[in-house]
Structures are given as C-alpha cells and as structure tokens.
C-alpha cells in the first residue's frame, strides 16, 4: 500500500501553509486525490513533484536575498 499523507502532513513536509497546499491541489498543480471532503496525497507523487521543481511552478528564491528566482521555495 502506498504511503498516503494528509493535507497537514504535506504542508509540514513542504513547509508551506495549508492554504497553499489546498489551492495548489484544487487547481491540480499539486498531485492529490479528493476523498469525500478530504484531500490525500501519495508520498511518492509529492516527492516526484518536488524533484521536478513543482511541475512548472514559479518558484521564488529563499535565502537569496535579492528576489531572484530559485527552484527551492514556492510562491
């Protein structure tokens, strides 16, 4: 059985607010599955999404200090 994560667990894993995870999942920009009223995420799919720089997400640099784009933090 695949390891399933809740919205809160994905939020903690990616270090972004739950509202961001919900928005990305709802817009199908983050791989997730709706089960009734609840979102569930397959750990391997989330890890692959991260490895692929968020599947085309615009990512803004964290720790760069000059506002340049980087592939490590979501915005």
N, C-alpha and C. Protein backbone atom coordinates (compact mmCIF):
# COMPACT_ATOMS: atom_id res chain seq x y z
N UNK A 1 0.84 -1.18 0.00
CA UNK A 1 0.00 0.00 0.00
C UNK A 1 0.88 1.24 0.00
N UNK A 2 0.50 2.22 -0.79
CA UNK A 2 1.26 3.45 -0.88
C UNK A 2 1.05 4.30 0.37
N UNK A 3 2.10 5.05 0.73
CA UNK A 3 2.05 5.92 1.90
C UNK A 3 1.24 7.17 1.57
N UNK A 4 0.09 7.33 2.23
CA UNK A 4 -0.77 8.48 2.00
C UNK A 4 -0.52 9.55 3.05
N UNK A 5 -0.54 10.81 2.62
CA UNK A 5 -0.35 11.94 3.50
C UNK A 5 -1.61 12.79 3.52
N UNK A 6 -1.87 13.41 4.66
CA UNK A 6 -2.97 14.37 4.76
C UNK A 6 -2.49 15.73 4.26
N UNK A 7 -3.42 16.65 4.10
CA UNK A 7 -3.09 18.00 3.70
C UNK A 7 -2.12 18.63 4.71
N UNK A 8 -2.37 18.42 5.98
CA UNK A 8 -1.49 18.95 7.02
C UNK A 8 -0.09 18.38 6.96
N UNK A 9 0.02 17.09 6.68
CA UNK A 9 1.34 16.45 6.58
C UNK A 9 2.11 16.97 5.38
N UNK A 10 1.42 17.20 4.26
CA UNK A 10 2.08 17.76 3.07
C UNK A 10 2.51 19.20 3.36
N UNK A 11 1.68 19.93 4.07
CA UNK A 11 2.02 21.30 4.45
C UNK A 11 3.30 21.32 5.28
N UNK A 12 3.41 20.43 6.24
CA UNK A 12 4.61 20.34 7.08
C UNK A 12 5.80 19.89 6.25
N UNK A 13 5.61 18.89 5.41
CA UNK A 13 6.69 18.35 4.57
C UNK A 13 7.26 19.43 3.65
N UNK A 14 6.39 20.22 3.02
CA UNK A 14 6.84 21.25 2.08
C UNK A 14 7.12 22.59 2.76
N UNK A 15 6.76 22.70 4.04
CA UNK A 15 6.97 23.93 4.81
C UNK A 15 6.28 25.13 4.18
N UNK A 16 5.03 24.92 3.81
CA UNK A 16 4.17 25.99 3.28
C UNK A 16 2.82 25.90 3.99
N UNK A 17 2.07 26.99 4.03
CA UNK A 17 0.77 26.97 4.71
C UNK A 17 -0.21 25.97 4.09
N UNK A 18 -1.12 25.49 4.91
CA UNK A 18 -2.15 24.57 4.44
C UNK A 18 -2.97 25.19 3.31
N UNK A 19 -3.21 26.49 3.40
CA UNK A 19 -4.00 27.16 2.37
C UNK A 19 -3.32 27.07 1.00
N UNK A 20 -1.99 27.10 0.99
CA UNK A 20 -1.24 26.98 -0.28
C UNK A 20 -1.39 25.57 -0.84
N UNK A 21 -1.29 24.57 0.02
CA UNK A 21 -1.44 23.18 -0.42
C UNK A 21 -2.84 22.97 -0.98
N UNK A 22 -3.85 23.47 -0.27
CA UNK A 22 -5.24 23.34 -0.73
C UNK A 22 -5.42 24.00 -2.09
N UNK A 23 -4.90 25.20 -2.24
CA UNK A 23 -5.04 25.92 -3.51
C UNK A 23 -4.35 25.18 -4.65
N UNK A 24 -3.12 24.73 -4.45
CA UNK A 24 -2.38 24.01 -5.49
C UNK A 24 -3.07 22.70 -5.86
N UNK A 25 -3.60 21.99 -4.87
CA UNK A 25 -4.29 20.73 -5.13
C UNK A 25 -5.59 20.98 -5.89
N UNK A 26 -6.35 21.98 -5.44
CA UNK A 26 -7.63 22.32 -6.08
C UNK A 26 -7.42 22.72 -7.53
N UNK A 27 -6.32 23.43 -7.81
CA UNK A 27 -6.01 23.87 -9.17
C UNK A 27 -5.28 22.79 -9.98
N UNK A 28 -5.10 21.62 -9.37
CA UNK A 28 -4.42 20.48 -9.99
C UNK A 28 -2.97 20.79 -10.37
N UNK A 29 -2.35 21.67 -9.59
CA UNK A 29 -0.94 22.00 -9.79
C UNK A 29 -0.07 21.17 -8.85
N UNK A 30 -0.70 20.47 -7.91
CA UNK A 30 -0.04 19.58 -6.97
C UNK A 30 -0.79 18.26 -7.04
N UNK A 31 -0.10 17.13 -7.19
CA UNK A 31 -0.81 15.85 -7.30
C UNK A 31 -1.51 15.47 -5.99
N UNK A 32 -2.81 15.31 -6.07
CA UNK A 32 -3.57 14.93 -4.88
C UNK A 32 -4.87 14.26 -5.28
N UNK A 33 -5.52 13.65 -4.30
CA UNK A 33 -6.76 12.91 -4.53
C UNK A 33 -7.78 13.34 -3.49
N UNK A 34 -8.96 13.70 -3.95
CA UNK A 34 -10.02 14.09 -3.04
C UNK A 34 -10.81 12.85 -2.65
N UNK A 35 -10.95 12.64 -1.34
CA UNK A 35 -11.72 11.52 -0.81
C UNK A 35 -12.83 12.14 0.03
N UNK A 36 -14.02 12.21 -0.55
CA UNK A 36 -15.10 12.92 0.12
C UNK A 36 -14.74 14.39 0.23
N UNK A 37 -14.67 14.89 1.46
CA UNK A 37 -14.30 16.28 1.70
C UNK A 37 -12.80 16.44 1.98
N UNK A 38 -12.07 15.35 1.99
CA UNK A 38 -10.68 15.36 2.44
C UNK A 38 -9.71 15.12 1.29
N UNK A 39 -8.57 15.80 1.34
CA UNK A 39 -7.50 15.59 0.38
C UNK A 39 -6.52 14.57 0.92
N UNK A 40 -6.05 13.70 0.04
CA UNK A 40 -4.98 12.75 0.37
C UNK A 40 -3.94 12.82 -0.73
N UNK A 41 -2.69 12.62 -0.35
CA UNK A 41 -1.57 12.75 -1.26
C UNK A 41 -0.67 11.53 -1.12
N UNK A 42 -0.22 11.00 -2.25
CA UNK A 42 0.71 9.86 -2.25
C UNK A 42 2.12 10.43 -2.09
N UNK A 43 2.81 9.97 -1.05
CA UNK A 43 4.14 10.50 -0.74
C UNK A 43 5.07 10.48 -1.95
N UNK A 44 5.08 9.40 -2.70
CA UNK A 44 5.98 9.29 -3.86
C UNK A 44 5.64 10.34 -4.93
N UNK A 45 4.35 10.65 -5.10
CA UNK A 45 3.95 11.66 -6.08
C UNK A 45 4.39 13.05 -5.64
N UNK A 46 4.29 13.33 -4.34
CA UNK A 46 4.73 14.63 -3.82
C UNK A 46 6.24 14.77 -3.94
N UNK A 47 6.96 13.70 -3.62
CA UNK A 47 8.43 13.74 -3.73
C UNK A 47 8.86 13.93 -5.19
N UNK A 48 8.18 13.27 -6.11
CA UNK A 48 8.49 13.44 -7.54
C UNK A 48 8.17 14.86 -7.98
N UNK A 49 7.07 15.43 -7.50
CA UNK A 49 6.68 16.80 -7.83
C UNK A 49 7.76 17.78 -7.37
N UNK A 50 8.27 17.56 -6.16
CA UNK A 50 9.33 18.41 -5.63
C UNK A 50 10.59 18.27 -6.48
N UNK A 51 10.95 17.06 -6.83
CA UNK A 51 12.15 16.83 -7.65
C UNK A 51 12.05 17.49 -9.01
N UNK A 52 10.84 17.62 -9.51
CA UNK A 52 10.62 18.26 -10.81
C UNK A 52 10.31 19.74 -10.67
N UNK A 53 10.81 20.36 -9.61
CA UNK A 53 10.62 21.80 -9.35
C UNK A 53 9.17 22.21 -9.34
N UNK A 54 8.32 21.39 -8.76
CA UNK A 54 6.92 21.77 -8.63
C UNK A 54 6.16 21.69 -9.94
N UNK A 55 6.61 20.87 -10.87
CA UNK A 55 5.90 20.66 -12.12
C UNK A 55 5.60 21.97 -12.84
N UNK A 56 6.58 22.86 -12.92
CA UNK A 56 6.39 24.09 -13.67
C UNK A 56 5.93 25.27 -12.82
N UNK A 57 5.88 25.11 -11.50
CA UNK A 57 5.52 26.22 -10.63
C UNK A 57 6.55 27.32 -10.75
N UNK A 58 6.12 28.55 -10.54
CA UNK A 58 7.06 29.66 -10.44
C UNK A 58 7.58 29.65 -9.03
N UNK A 59 8.87 29.49 -8.89
CA UNK A 59 9.47 29.37 -7.58
C UNK A 59 10.34 30.58 -7.30
N UNK A 60 10.17 31.15 -6.13
CA UNK A 60 10.93 32.34 -5.76
C UNK A 60 11.99 31.95 -4.76
N UNK A 61 13.19 32.50 -4.94
CA UNK A 61 14.34 32.15 -4.12
C UNK A 61 14.16 32.44 -2.65
N UNK A 62 14.56 31.48 -1.84
CA UNK A 62 14.58 31.66 -0.40
C UNK A 62 16.03 31.75 0.01
N UNK A 63 16.35 32.76 0.75
CA UNK A 63 17.71 32.91 1.21
C UNK A 63 18.63 33.53 0.19
N UNK A 64 18.11 33.89 -0.95
CA UNK A 64 18.94 34.50 -1.98
C UNK A 64 19.14 35.97 -1.64
N UNK A 65 18.10 36.61 -1.11
CA UNK A 65 18.20 37.97 -0.64
C UNK A 65 18.01 39.04 -1.70
N UNK A 66 18.00 38.68 -2.95
CA UNK A 66 17.84 39.69 -3.98
C UNK A 66 16.56 39.52 -4.77
N UNK A 67 15.70 38.59 -4.34
CA UNK A 67 14.42 38.39 -5.01
C UNK A 67 14.53 37.63 -6.32
N UNK A 68 15.70 37.13 -6.65
CA UNK A 68 15.85 36.38 -7.90
C UNK A 68 15.16 35.03 -7.77
N UNK A 69 14.85 34.45 -8.90
CA UNK A 69 14.15 33.16 -8.89
C UNK A 69 15.12 32.02 -8.59
N UNK A 70 14.60 31.07 -7.88
CA UNK A 70 15.36 29.91 -7.43
C UNK A 70 14.40 28.73 -7.48
N UNK A 71 14.85 27.52 -7.41
CA UNK A 71 13.94 26.39 -7.52
C UNK A 71 13.58 25.74 -6.19
N UNK A 72 13.77 26.44 -5.08
CA UNK A 72 13.57 25.79 -3.81
C UNK A 72 12.37 26.20 -2.98
N UNK A 73 11.76 27.34 -3.18
CA UNK A 73 10.60 27.69 -2.37
C UNK A 73 9.46 28.18 -3.25
N UNK A 74 8.25 27.78 -2.88
CA UNK A 74 7.07 28.08 -3.67
C UNK A 74 6.55 29.48 -3.42
N UNK A 75 6.09 30.10 -4.47
CA UNK A 75 5.33 31.36 -4.39
C UNK A 75 4.47 31.48 -5.60
